[in-house]
């Protein structure tokens, strides 16, 4: 558990993801890694379904770099929404 506590602190997740969610995910991750069931052990994806859908609840964590990554999908969705808003301002009747 100390390894999980240290990792949680190093990634600075305290304001983003509850510790118990991170702990459960990491215990499962360590188990799968020990059984050689993972192809990539440098990242873990955690989804906190206890949070509302309008809150940030999808986390891609780079364990090697010890930081949260922004998924490419989010960047693409953000770009689409931005373009839709921009178009709706240009053509308000649509």
Protein backbone atom coordinates (compact mmCIF):
# COMPACT_ATOMS: atom_id res chain seq x y z
CA UNK A 1 0.00 0.00 0.00
CA UNK A 2 2.91 2.37 0.58
CA UNK A 3 3.87 2.09 -3.09
CA UNK A 4 0.32 3.10 -4.06
CA UNK A 5 0.34 6.02 -1.58
CA UNK A 6 3.66 7.24 -2.96
CA UNK A 7 2.47 6.96 -6.55
CA UNK A 8 -0.80 8.74 -5.73
CA UNK A 9 1.15 11.64 -4.22
CA UNK A 10 3.72 11.79 -7.03
CA UNK A 11 0.99 11.99 -9.68
CA UNK A 12 -0.82 14.63 -7.60
CA UNK A 13 -4.22 13.01 -7.92
CA UNK A 14 -5.62 14.26 -4.60
CA UNK A 15 -7.80 16.94 -6.26
CA UNK A 16 -8.82 14.80 -9.23
CA UNK A 17 -9.39 11.19 -8.21
CA UNK A 18 -10.31 9.74 -4.85
CA UNK A 19 -7.60 7.66 -3.28
CA UNK A 20 -9.72 4.53 -2.79
CA UNK A 21 -10.60 4.43 -6.50
CA UNK A 22 -6.92 4.76 -7.40
CA UNK A 23 -5.96 2.06 -4.89
CA UNK A 24 -8.50 -0.44 -6.26
CA UNK A 25 -7.37 0.21 -9.82
CA UNK A 26 -3.69 -0.16 -8.94
CA UNK A 27 -4.24 -3.39 -7.00
CA UNK A 28 -5.97 -4.83 -10.08
CA UNK A 29 -3.21 -3.45 -12.31
CA UNK A 30 -0.45 -5.04 -10.19
CA UNK A 31 -2.32 -8.36 -10.22
CA UNK A 32 -2.70 -8.32 -14.01
CA UNK A 33 0.94 -7.30 -14.46
CA UNK A 34 2.12 -10.10 -12.17
CA UNK A 35 0.11 -12.62 -14.23
CA UNK A 36 1.58 -11.14 -17.44
CA UNK A 37 -1.90 -10.30 -18.67
CA UNK A 38 -0.97 -6.79 -19.84
CA UNK A 39 0.77 -5.78 -23.06
CA UNK A 40 1.47 -2.21 -21.92
CA UNK A 41 2.36 -1.60 -18.30
CA UNK A 42 3.31 2.05 -18.70
CA UNK A 43 -0.26 3.37 -18.55
CA UNK A 44 -3.48 2.73 -16.71
CA UNK A 45 -6.93 4.08 -17.53
CA UNK A 46 -9.31 4.68 -14.64
CA UNK A 47 -12.96 5.71 -14.91
CA UNK A 48 -14.66 6.90 -11.73
CA UNK A 49 -18.34 6.13 -12.33
CA UNK A 50 -19.25 7.58 -8.95
CA UNK A 51 -18.81 11.03 -10.47
CA UNK A 52 -21.52 12.66 -12.56
CA UNK A 53 -21.14 12.46 -16.33
CA UNK A 54 -20.50 16.21 -16.52
CA UNK A 55 -17.47 15.90 -14.19
CA UNK A 56 -13.99 14.76 -15.12
CA UNK A 57 -14.00 11.05 -14.42
CA UNK A 58 -11.84 9.51 -17.16
CA UNK A 59 -8.13 9.37 -16.37
CA UNK A 60 -5.26 8.07 -18.47
CA UNK A 61 -2.28 7.87 -16.16
CA UNK A 62 1.26 7.54 -17.44
CA UNK A 63 2.95 5.50 -14.73
CA UNK A 64 6.43 6.00 -16.14
CA UNK A 65 6.13 9.80 -16.30
CA UNK A 66 3.89 9.92 -13.22
CA UNK A 67 1.30 12.25 -14.70
CA UNK A 68 -2.24 12.32 -16.01
CA UNK A 69 -2.47 12.41 -19.79
CA UNK A 70 -5.20 14.16 -21.76
CA UNK A 71 -6.74 11.52 -24.02
CA UNK A 72 -6.61 12.36 -27.72
CA UNK A 73 -10.34 11.64 -27.88
CA UNK A 74 -11.02 14.55 -25.49
CA UNK A 75 -8.99 16.90 -27.63
CA UNK A 76 -10.95 15.83 -30.72
CA UNK A 77 -14.31 16.22 -28.95
CA UNK A 78 -13.28 19.64 -27.66
CA UNK A 79 -12.37 20.69 -31.20
CA UNK A 80 -15.70 19.45 -32.60
CA UNK A 81 -17.70 21.26 -29.91
CA UNK A 82 -15.70 24.43 -30.45
CA UNK A 83 -16.36 24.28 -34.19
CA UNK A 84 -20.08 23.65 -33.66
CA UNK A 85 -20.32 26.65 -31.35
CA UNK A 86 -18.41 28.80 -33.80
CA UNK A 87 -20.65 27.74 -36.69
CA UNK A 88 -23.81 28.33 -34.66
CA UNK A 89 -22.67 31.90 -33.98
CA UNK A 90 -21.94 32.49 -37.66
CA UNK A 91 -25.23 30.94 -38.81
CA UNK A 92 -27.65 31.43 -35.87
CA UNK A 93 -30.70 30.39 -37.91
CA UNK A 94 -29.45 26.84 -38.38
